[in-house]
Amino acid sequence: MNYVSTYYTDIGIKKSTNQDSVLIKKAKTSIGNIAMAVICDGMGGLAKGEVASASVIQMLNEWFNNDLKQMMQNTHFSLSLVSSKIGDLIREKNTRILQYGKENNINLGTTITMLFIYEKEYMFFHVGDSRLYKLSNTIQQLTHDHTLVQKEVNEGKLTKEQAEVDPRKSILLQCVGASKVVTPQIGYGSIENKDLFLLCSDGFRHCISENEIYTSLIQGNNAQELKNSLYQLTNKNMQLGEEDNITSIAVKVFMED
């Protein structure tokens, strides 16, 4: 099992800071190859959003480098163990960011969308409105936005098309560091050869369609081709007037013969 991965990020056409943070990790272990990709979008309207997103990334980087190796020596290692540990870490980080904000009289928070791949299976952990897509024969959105408009779509008050242009589309119902209780979406699935995963902040997908994303990315077979596609899609978003930070990660899976 081999993983080809890359990312692209841009501050965008309006903001003075890039509050998005990313992490890509890969390792060969005695029980198989693993890969992890994480995107965190610091809350655009909240002070110090870049601090919140970077602190979550730093925490997960340290966990991957130090604690994961010990976890994988457990004969009962599984993706459910990973999701349980990530849940513990995020709850702890949520409490710390809340306390930091209270002590400094500021509001801050971040989304988190994490993909963890272990051989032919994957797990994702998600809070907020960054997204994870899986591209194979079609493009499939795996995560659900934790937003007010998505809640109203679920309740039948809005259509998906109405939600995409609703001025309230960036109002989050939960995020790490700004919610007293974080209830993540956790999912699992299997992987086929040449499956491609896309993680992106909300700025990446406001102005372009899923079909445009799929058409641009699906033929990429190496890091440079994928990065070129992410760059082109990012530029198209900015040309169409997207004002937010724009960040994306692509991970493509190749099965060994």
C-alpha atoms as a PDB file:
ATOM      1  CA  MET A   1       0.000   0.000   0.000  1.00  0.00           C
ATOM      2  CA  ASN A   2       1.443   3.342  -1.073  1.00  0.00           C
ATOM      3  CA  TYR A   3       0.072   6.827  -0.505  1.00  0.00           C
ATOM      4  CA  VAL A   4       0.684   9.836  -2.723  1.00  0.00           C
ATOM      5  CA  SER A   5      -0.161  13.096  -0.995  1.00  0.00           C
ATOM      6  CA  THR A   6       0.139  16.849  -1.366  1.00  0.00           C
ATOM      7  CA  TYR A   7      -1.537  20.071  -0.280  1.00  0.00           C
ATOM      8  CA  TYR A   8      -2.016  23.651  -1.374  1.00  0.00           C
ATOM      9  CA  THR A   9      -2.974  26.691   0.697  1.00  0.00           C
ATOM     10  CA  ASP A  10      -3.551  30.347  -0.113  1.00  0.00           C
ATOM     11  CA  ILE A  11      -4.342  33.317   2.098  1.00  0.00           C
ATOM     12  CA  GLY A  12      -6.956  34.390  -0.442  1.00  0.00           C
ATOM     13  CA  ILE A  13      -7.866  37.759  -1.884  1.00  0.00           C
ATOM     14  CA  LYS A  14      -9.059  39.568   1.237  1.00  0.00           C
ATOM     15  CA  LYS A  15      -7.761  38.304   4.574  1.00  0.00           C
ATOM     16  CA  SER A  16      -4.530  39.453   6.207  1.00  0.00           C
ATOM     17  CA  THR A  17      -3.715  36.105   7.841  1.00  0.00           C
ATOM     18  CA  ASN A  18      -4.095  32.467   6.853  1.00  0.00           C
ATOM     19  CA  GLN A  19      -5.902  30.728   9.699  1.00  0.00           C
ATOM     20  CA  ASP A  20      -5.880  27.316   7.985  1.00  0.00           C
ATOM     21  CA  SER A  21      -3.397  24.674   9.151  1.00  0.00           C
ATOM     22  CA  VAL A  22      -2.542  21.293   7.628  1.00  0.00           C
ATOM     23  CA  LEU A  23      -0.715  18.102   8.532  1.00  0.00           C
ATOM     24  CA  ILE A  24       0.250  15.114   6.399  1.00  0.00           C
ATOM     25  CA  LYS A  25       2.024  12.133   7.957  1.00  0.00           C
ATOM     26  CA  LYS A  26       3.021   8.759   6.526  1.00  0.00           C
ATOM     27  CA  ALA A  27       4.890   5.823   8.050  1.00  0.00           C
ATOM     28  CA  LYS A  28       5.839   2.226   7.384  1.00  0.00           C
ATOM     29  CA  THR A  29       5.229  -0.018  10.379  1.00  0.00           C
ATOM     30  CA  SER A  30       5.626  -3.698  11.193  1.00  0.00           C
ATOM     31  CA  ILE A  31       1.879  -4.208  10.740  1.00  0.00           C
ATOM     32  CA  GLY A  32       1.412  -2.126   7.603  1.00  0.00           C
ATOM     33  CA  ASN A  33       1.657   1.330   6.091  1.00  0.00           C
ATOM     34  CA  ILE A  34      -0.299   4.197   7.618  1.00  0.00           C
ATOM     35  CA  ALA A  35      -1.143   7.717   6.526  1.00  0.00           C
ATOM     36  CA  MET A  36      -2.811  10.637   8.256  1.00  0.00           C
ATOM     37  CA  ALA A  37      -4.035  13.945   6.871  1.00  0.00           C
ATOM     38  CA  VAL A  38      -5.568  16.758   8.899  1.00  0.00           C
ATOM     39  CA  ILE A  39      -7.015  20.147   7.990  1.00  0.00           C
ATOM     40  CA  CYS A  40      -7.992  22.756  10.580  1.00  0.00           C
ATOM     41  CA  ASP A  41      -9.691  26.043   9.736  1.00  0.00           C
ATOM     42  CA  GLY A  42      -9.286  28.663  12.445  1.00  0.00           C
ATOM     43  CA  MET A  43     -12.533  30.536  12.822  1.00  0.00           C
ATOM     44  CA  GLY A  44     -12.432  33.461  10.405  1.00  0.00           C
ATOM     45  CA  GLY A  45     -14.362  35.979  12.486  1.00  0.00           C
ATOM     46  CA  LEU A  46     -12.794  35.036  15.792  1.00  0.00           C
ATOM     47  CA  ALA A  47      -9.552  36.469  17.145  1.00  0.00           C
ATOM     48  CA  LYS A  48      -6.526  34.178  17.153  1.00  0.00           C
ATOM     49  CA  GLY A  49      -8.108  31.524  14.967  1.00  0.00           C
ATOM     50  CA  GLU A  50      -4.686  30.692  13.597  1.00  0.00           C
ATOM     51  CA  VAL A  51      -3.533  29.907  17.156  1.00  0.00           C
ATOM     52  CA  ALA A  52      -6.374  27.431  17.644  1.00  0.00           C
ATOM     53  CA  SER A  53      -5.841  25.631  14.325  1.00  0.00           C
ATOM     54  CA  ALA A  54      -2.055  25.444  14.725  1.00  0.00           C
ATOM     55  CA  SER A  55      -2.329  24.116  18.283  1.00  0.00           C
ATOM     56  CA  VAL A  56      -4.532  21.204  17.176  1.00  0.00           C
ATOM     57  CA  ILE A  57      -2.116  20.374  14.354  1.00  0.00           C
ATOM     58  CA  GLN A  58       0.849  20.477  16.726  1.00  0.00           C
ATOM     59  CA  MET A  59      -0.918  18.167  19.167  1.00  0.00           C
ATOM     60  CA  LEU A  60      -1.722  15.589  16.459  1.00  0.00           C
ATOM     61  CA  ASN A  61       1.790  15.770  15.031  1.00  0.00           C
ATOM     62  CA  GLU A  62       3.256  14.989  18.448  1.00  0.00           C
ATOM     63  CA  TRP A  63       0.759  12.147  18.944  1.00  0.00           C
ATOM     64  CA  PHE A  64       1.674  10.591  15.582  1.00  0.00           C
ATOM     65  CA  ASN A  65       5.411  10.891  16.224  1.00  0.00           C
ATOM     66  CA  ASN A  66       5.368   9.630  19.804  1.00  0.00           C
ATOM     67  CA  ASP A  67       2.251   7.807  21.013  1.00  0.00           C
ATOM     68  CA  LEU A  68       0.946   6.121  17.874  1.00  0.00           C
ATOM     69  CA  LYS A  69       3.967   3.833  17.578  1.00  0.00           C
ATOM     70  CA  GLN A  70       3.252   2.416  21.016  1.00  0.00           C
ATOM     71  CA  MET A  71      -0.448   2.011  20.163  1.00  0.00           C
ATOM     72  CA  MET A  72       0.416   0.002  17.064  1.00  0.00           C
ATOM     73  CA  GLN A  73       2.419  -2.475  19.124  1.00  0.00           C
ATOM     74  CA  ASN A  74      -0.871  -3.480  20.759  1.00  0.00           C
ATOM     75  CA  THR A  75      -2.003  -6.794  19.289  1.00  0.00           C
ATOM     76  CA  HIS A  76      -5.563  -5.443  19.296  1.00  0.00           C
ATOM     77  CA  PHE A  77      -4.746  -2.288  17.324  1.00  0.00           C
ATOM     78  CA  SER A  78      -7.690  -1.008  15.308  1.00  0.00           C
ATOM     79  CA  LEU A  79      -9.062   2.153  13.764  1.00  0.00           C
ATOM     80  CA  SER A  80     -11.618   2.339  16.559  1.00  0.00           C
ATOM     81  CA  LEU A  81      -8.734   2.637  19.033  1.00  0.00           C
ATOM     82  CA  VAL A  82      -7.374   5.522  16.962  1.00  0.00           C
ATOM     83  CA  SER A  83     -10.722   7.322  16.885  1.00  0.00           C
ATOM     84  CA  SER A  84     -11.143   6.858  20.641  1.00  0.00           C
ATOM     85  CA  LYS A  85      -7.704   8.337  21.318  1.00  0.00           C
ATOM     86  CA  ILE A  86      -8.286  11.258  18.943  1.00  0.00           C
ATOM     87  CA  GLY A  87     -11.584  11.925  20.692  1.00  0.00           C
ATOM     88  CA  ASP A  88      -9.787  12.109  24.050  1.00  0.00           C
ATOM     89  CA  LEU A  89      -7.151  14.459  22.642  1.00  0.00           C
ATOM     90  CA  ILE A  90      -9.698  16.771  21.009  1.00  0.00           C
ATOM     91  CA  ARG A  91     -11.824  16.988  24.149  1.00  0.00           C
ATOM     92  CA  GLU A  92      -8.719  17.881  26.147  1.00  0.00           C
ATOM     93  CA  LYS A  93      -7.670  20.469  23.555  1.00  0.00           C
ATOM     94  CA  ASN A  94     -11.178  21.914  23.488  1.00  0.00           C
ATOM     95  CA  THR A  95     -11.022  22.501  27.234  1.00  0.00           C
ATOM     96  CA  ARG A  96      -7.580  24.107  26.986  1.00  0.00           C
ATOM     97  CA  ILE A  97      -8.550  26.472  24.171  1.00  0.00           C
ATOM     98  CA  LEU A  98     -11.728  27.464  26.019  1.00  0.00           C
ATOM     99  CA  GLN A  99      -9.665  28.225  29.118  1.00  0.00           C
ATOM    100  CA  TYR A 100      -7.077  30.159  27.094  1.00  0.00           C
ATOM    101  CA  GLY A 101      -9.803  32.271  25.552  1.00  0.00           C
ATOM    102  CA  LYS A 102     -11.385  32.953  28.931  1.00  0.00           C
ATOM    103  CA  GLU A 103      -8.069  33.943  30.516  1.00  0.00           C
ATOM    104  CA  ASN A 104      -7.199  36.290  27.643  1.00  0.00           C
ATOM    105  CA  ASN A 105     -10.732  37.581  27.053  1.00  0.00           C
ATOM    106  CA  ILE A 106     -10.773  36.488  23.397  1.00  0.00           C
ATOM    107  CA  ASN A 107     -12.833  34.135  21.268  1.00  0.00           C
ATOM    108  CA  LEU A 108     -11.087  31.522  19.174  1.00  0.00           C
ATOM    109  CA  GLY A 109     -11.803  28.137  17.695  1.00  0.00           C
ATOM    110  CA  THR A 110     -11.064  25.772  14.856  1.00  0.00           C
ATOM    111  CA  THR A 111     -12.626  23.081  12.739  1.00  0.00           C
ATOM    112  CA  ILE A 112     -10.900  19.723  12.416  1.00  0.00           C
ATOM    113  CA  THR A 113     -11.230  17.154   9.661  1.00  0.00           C
ATOM    114  CA  MET A 114      -8.873  14.196   9.994  1.00  0.00           C
ATOM    115  CA  LEU A 115      -8.338  11.168   7.748  1.00  0.00           C
ATOM    116  CA  PHE A 116      -6.438   8.123   9.031  1.00  0.00           C
ATOM    117  CA  ILE A 117      -5.617   5.267   6.643  1.00  0.00           C
ATOM    118  CA  TYR A 118      -4.424   1.852   7.770  1.00  0.00           C
ATOM    119  CA  GLU A 119      -3.862  -0.606   4.937  1.00  0.00           C
ATOM    120  CA  LYS A 120      -7.225  -1.074   3.154  1.00  0.00           C
ATOM    121  CA  GLU A 121      -9.345   0.781   5.685  1.00  0.00           C
ATOM    122  CA  TYR A 122      -9.846   4.393   6.687  1.00  0.00           C
ATOM    123  CA  MET A 123     -11.289   6.367   9.577  1.00  0.00           C
ATOM    124  CA  PHE A 124     -12.254  10.014   9.722  1.00  0.00           C
ATOM    125  CA  PHE A 125     -12.858  12.388  12.624  1.00  0.00           C
ATOM    126  CA  HIS A 126     -14.711  15.615  11.960  1.00  0.00           C
ATOM    127  CA  VAL A 127     -15.947  18.765  13.711  1.00  0.00           C
ATOM    128  CA  GLY A 128     -17.063  21.902  11.854  1.00  0.00           C
ATOM    129  CA  ASP A 129     -17.475  22.713   8.170  1.00  0.00           C
ATOM    130  CA  SER A 130     -14.214  21.676   6.594  1.00  0.00           C
ATOM    131  CA  ARG A 131     -14.908  18.608   4.465  1.00  0.00           C
ATOM    132  CA  LEU A 132     -13.658  15.180   3.454  1.00  0.00           C
ATOM    133  CA  TYR A 133     -14.512  13.777   0.022  1.00  0.00           C
ATOM    134  CA  LYS A 134     -13.783  10.339  -1.422  1.00  0.00           C
ATOM    135  CA  LEU A 135     -13.247  10.179  -5.190  1.00  0.00           C
ATOM    136  CA  SER A 136     -13.470   6.851  -7.016  1.00  0.00           C
ATOM    137  CA  ASN A 137     -16.019   6.245  -9.760  1.00  0.00           C
ATOM    138  CA  THR A 138     -17.877   9.253  -8.355  1.00  0.00           C
ATOM    139  CA  ILE A 139     -17.249  11.965  -5.766  1.00  0.00           C
ATOM    140  CA  GLN A 140     -18.783  11.378  -2.345  1.00  0.00           C
ATOM    141  CA  GLN A 141     -18.904  13.837   0.549  1.00  0.00           C
ATOM    142  CA  LEU A 142     -18.135  11.795   3.660  1.00  0.00           C
ATOM    143  CA  THR A 143     -18.473  14.504   6.302  1.00  0.00           C
ATOM    144  CA  HIS A 144     -21.531  16.479   7.360  1.00  0.00           C
ATOM    145  CA  ASP A 145     -21.227  20.215   7.953  1.00  0.00           C
ATOM    146  CA  HIS A 146     -21.882  21.238  11.541  1.00  0.00           C
ATOM    147  CA  THR A 147     -23.585  24.445  10.430  1.00  0.00           C
ATOM    148  CA  LEU A 148     -26.905  26.171  10.947  1.00  0.00           C
ATOM    149  CA  VAL A 149     -27.865  25.873   7.276  1.00  0.00           C
ATOM    150  CA  GLN A 150     -27.030  22.146   7.177  1.00  0.00           C
ATOM    151  CA  LYS A 151     -29.260  21.662  10.216  1.00  0.00           C
ATOM    152  CA  GLU A 152     -32.059  23.408   8.336  1.00  0.00           C
ATOM    153  CA  VAL A 153     -31.406  21.223   5.275  1.00  0.00           C
ATOM    154  CA  ASN A 154     -31.712  18.159   7.512  1.00  0.00           C
ATOM    155  CA  GLU A 155     -34.991  19.517   8.878  1.00  0.00           C
ATOM    156  CA  GLY A 156     -36.353  20.179   5.389  1.00  0.00           C
ATOM    157  CA  LYS A 157     -36.378  23.959   5.831  1.00  0.00           C
ATOM    158  CA  LEU A 158     -33.771  24.552   3.107  1.00  0.00           C
ATOM    159  CA  THR A 159     -32.684  22.724  -0.022  1.00  0.00           C
ATOM    160  CA  LYS A 160     -29.016  21.912  -0.549  1.00  0.00           C
ATOM    161  CA  GLU A 161     -28.902  24.531  -3.315  1.00  0.00           C
ATOM    162  CA  GLN A 162     -30.431  27.187  -1.063  1.00  0.00           C
ATOM    163  CA  ALA A 163     -27.949  26.366   1.696  1.00  0.00           C
ATOM    164  CA  GLU A 164     -24.999  26.932  -0.628  1.00  0.00           C
ATOM    165  CA  VAL A 165     -25.952  30.591  -1.170  1.00  0.00           C
ATOM    166  CA  ASP A 166     -27.514  31.328   2.223  1.00  0.00           C
ATOM    167  CA  PRO A 167     -25.725  34.264   3.947  1.00  0.00           C
ATOM    168  CA  ARG A 168     -25.697  32.230   7.177  1.00  0.00           C
ATOM    169  CA  LYS A 169     -23.717  29.363   5.635  1.00  0.00           C
ATOM    170  CA  SER A 170     -20.617  30.033   7.755  1.00  0.00           C
ATOM    171  CA  ILE A 171     -22.427  29.935  11.113  1.00  0.00           C
ATOM    172  CA  LEU A 172     -21.084  26.882  12.940  1.00  0.00           C
ATOM    173  CA  LEU A 173     -22.999  24.907  15.536  1.00  0.00           C
ATOM    174  CA  GLN A 174     -19.792  23.519  17.006  1.00  0.00           C
ATOM    175  CA  CYS A 175     -16.053  23.835  16.692  1.00  0.00           C
ATOM    176  CA  VAL A 176     -13.019  23.002  18.809  1.00  0.00           C
ATOM    177  CA  GLY A 177     -12.325  25.720  21.356  1.00  0.00           C
ATOM    178  CA  ALA A 178     -15.632  27.574  21.073  1.00  0.00           C
ATOM    179  CA  SER A 179     -18.077  24.826  22.079  1.00  0.00           C
ATOM    180  CA  LYS A 180     -18.429  23.606  25.659  1.00  0.00           C
ATOM    181  CA  VAL A 181     -19.142  20.118  24.341  1.00  0.00           C
ATOM    182  CA  VAL A 182     -17.720  18.774  21.080  1.00  0.00           C
ATOM    183  CA  THR A 183     -19.631  15.952  19.402  1.00  0.00           C
ATOM    184  CA  PRO A 184     -17.563  14.746  16.431  1.00  0.00           C
ATOM    185  CA  GLN A 185     -18.696  12.821  13.390  1.00  0.00           C
ATOM    186  CA  ILE A 186     -16.662   9.611  13.155  1.00  0.00           C
ATOM    187  CA  GLY A 187     -16.781   7.314  10.160  1.00  0.00           C
ATOM    188  CA  TYR A 188     -15.097   4.206   8.772  1.00  0.00           C
ATOM    189  CA  GLY A 189     -14.768   2.647   5.340  1.00  0.00           C
ATOM    190  CA  SER A 190     -12.791   0.437   2.994  1.00  0.00           C
ATOM    191  CA  ILE A 191     -10.425   1.479   0.230  1.00  0.00           C
ATOM    192  CA  GLU A 192      -9.981   0.348  -3.356  1.00  0.00           C
ATOM    193  CA  ASN A 193      -6.988   0.875  -5.631  1.00  0.00           C
ATOM    194  CA  LYS A 194      -6.604   4.508  -6.790  1.00  0.00           C
ATOM    195  CA  ASP A 195      -9.190   5.895  -4.400  1.00  0.00           C
ATOM    196  CA  LEU A 196      -8.499   9.554  -3.790  1.00  0.00           C
ATOM    197  CA  PHE A 197      -9.358  11.550  -0.676  1.00  0.00           C
ATOM    198  CA  LEU A 198      -9.758  15.330  -0.602  1.00  0.00           C
ATOM    199  CA  LEU A 199      -9.774  17.328   2.608  1.00  0.00           C
ATOM    200  CA  CYS A 200     -10.590  21.020   2.254  1.00  0.00           C
ATOM    201  CA  SER A 201     -11.481  24.132   4.194  1.00  0.00           C
ATOM    202  CA  ASP A 202     -14.816  25.701   3.329  1.00  0.00           C
ATOM    203  CA  GLY A 203     -13.139  28.381   1.215  1.00  0.00           C
ATOM    204  CA  PHE A 204     -12.097  25.716  -1.278  1.00  0.00           C
ATOM    205  CA  ARG A 205     -15.594  24.601  -2.235  1.00  0.00           C
ATOM    206  CA  HIS A 206     -17.904  27.617  -2.032  1.00  0.00           C
ATOM    207  CA  CYS A 207     -17.524  28.735  -5.650  1.00  0.00           C
ATOM    208  CA  ILE A 208     -16.824  25.520  -7.555  1.00  0.00           C
ATOM    209  CA  SER A 209     -18.883  22.385  -8.099  1.00  0.00           C
ATOM    210  CA  GLU A 210     -18.222  18.808  -7.026  1.00  0.00           C
ATOM    211  CA  ASN A 211     -18.053  17.873 -10.705  1.00  0.00           C
ATOM    212  CA  GLU A 212     -15.275  20.425 -11.291  1.00  0.00           C
ATOM    213  CA  ILE A 213     -13.373  19.051  -8.305  1.00  0.00           C
ATOM    214  CA  TYR A 214     -13.758  15.458  -9.511  1.00  0.00           C
ATOM    215  CA  THR A 215     -12.794  16.169 -13.119  1.00  0.00           C
ATOM    216  CA  SER A 216      -9.692  18.092 -12.102  1.00  0.00           C
ATOM    217  CA  LEU A 217      -8.356  15.661  -9.503  1.00  0.00           C
ATOM    218  CA  ILE A 218      -9.284  12.128 -10.518  1.00  0.00           C
ATOM    219  CA  GLN A 219      -6.628  11.708 -13.228  1.00  0.00           C
ATOM    220  CA  GLY A 220      -3.741  12.794 -10.996  1.00  0.00           C
ATOM    221  CA  ASN A 221      -1.332   9.948 -10.290  1.00  0.00           C
ATOM    222  CA  ASN A 222       1.570  11.695  -8.583  1.00  0.00           C
ATOM    223  CA  ALA A 223       2.091  14.489  -6.091  1.00  0.00           C
ATOM    224  CA  GLN A 224       2.930  17.138  -8.692  1.00  0.00           C
ATOM    225  CA  GLU A 225      -0.135  16.407 -10.825  1.00  0.00           C
ATOM    226  CA  LEU A 226      -2.375  16.533  -7.768  1.00  0.00           C
ATOM    227  CA  LYS A 227      -0.773  19.739  -6.516  1.00  0.00           C
ATOM    228  CA  ASN A 228      -1.259  21.359  -9.925  1.00  0.00           C
ATOM    229  CA  SER A 229      -4.946  20.486  -9.785  1.00  0.00           C
ATOM    230  CA  LEU A 230      -5.319  21.893  -6.274  1.00  0.00           C
ATOM    231  CA  TYR A 231      -3.549  25.064  -7.410  1.00  0.00           C
ATOM    232  CA  GLN A 232      -5.830  25.453 -10.435  1.00  0.00           C
ATOM    233  CA  LEU A 233      -8.972  24.878  -8.367  1.00  0.00           C
ATOM    234  CA  THR A 234      -7.777  27.370  -5.758  1.00  0.00           C
ATOM    235  CA  ASN A 235      -7.141  30.006  -8.412  1.00  0.00           C
ATOM    236  CA  LYS A 236     -10.568  29.411  -9.923  1.00  0.00           C
ATOM    237  CA  ASN A 237     -12.163  29.973  -6.519  1.00  0.00           C
ATOM    238  CA  MET A 238     -10.350  33.294  -6.158  1.00  0.00           C
ATOM    239  CA  GLN A 239     -11.268  34.357  -9.679  1.00  0.00           C
ATOM    240  CA  LEU A 240     -14.905  33.692  -8.785  1.00  0.00           C
ATOM    241  CA  GLY A 241     -14.617  35.968  -5.751  1.00  0.00           C
ATOM    242  CA  GLU A 242     -13.971  33.625  -2.825  1.00  0.00           C
ATOM    243  CA  GLU A 243     -12.664  35.808   0.032  1.00  0.00           C
ATOM    244  CA  ASP A 244     -11.767  33.172   2.620  1.00  0.00           C
ATOM    245  CA  ASN A 245      -8.488  31.329   3.111  1.00  0.00           C
ATOM    246  CA  ILE A 246      -8.379  28.362   0.733  1.00  0.00           C
ATOM    247  CA  THR A 247      -6.687  25.103   1.710  1.00  0.00           C
ATOM    248  CA  SER A 248      -6.853  21.533   0.414  1.00  0.00           C
ATOM    249  CA  ILE A 249      -5.114  18.173   0.831  1.00  0.00           C
ATOM    250  CA  ALA A 250      -5.165  15.297  -1.656  1.00  0.00           C
ATOM    251  CA  VAL A 251      -4.265  11.696  -0.744  1.00  0.00           C
ATOM    252  CA  LYS A 252      -4.324   8.962  -3.386  1.00  0.00           C
ATOM    253  CA  VAL A 253      -4.012   5.266  -2.542  1.00  0.00           C
ATOM    254  CA  PHE A 254      -2.171   2.707  -4.675  1.00  0.00           C
ATOM    255  CA  MET A 255      -2.405  -0.987  -3.873  1.00  0.00           C
ATOM    256  CA  GLU A 256       0.787  -2.949  -4.254  1.00  0.00           C
ATOM    257  CA  ASP A 257       0.742  -5.940  -6.607  1.00  0.00           C
END
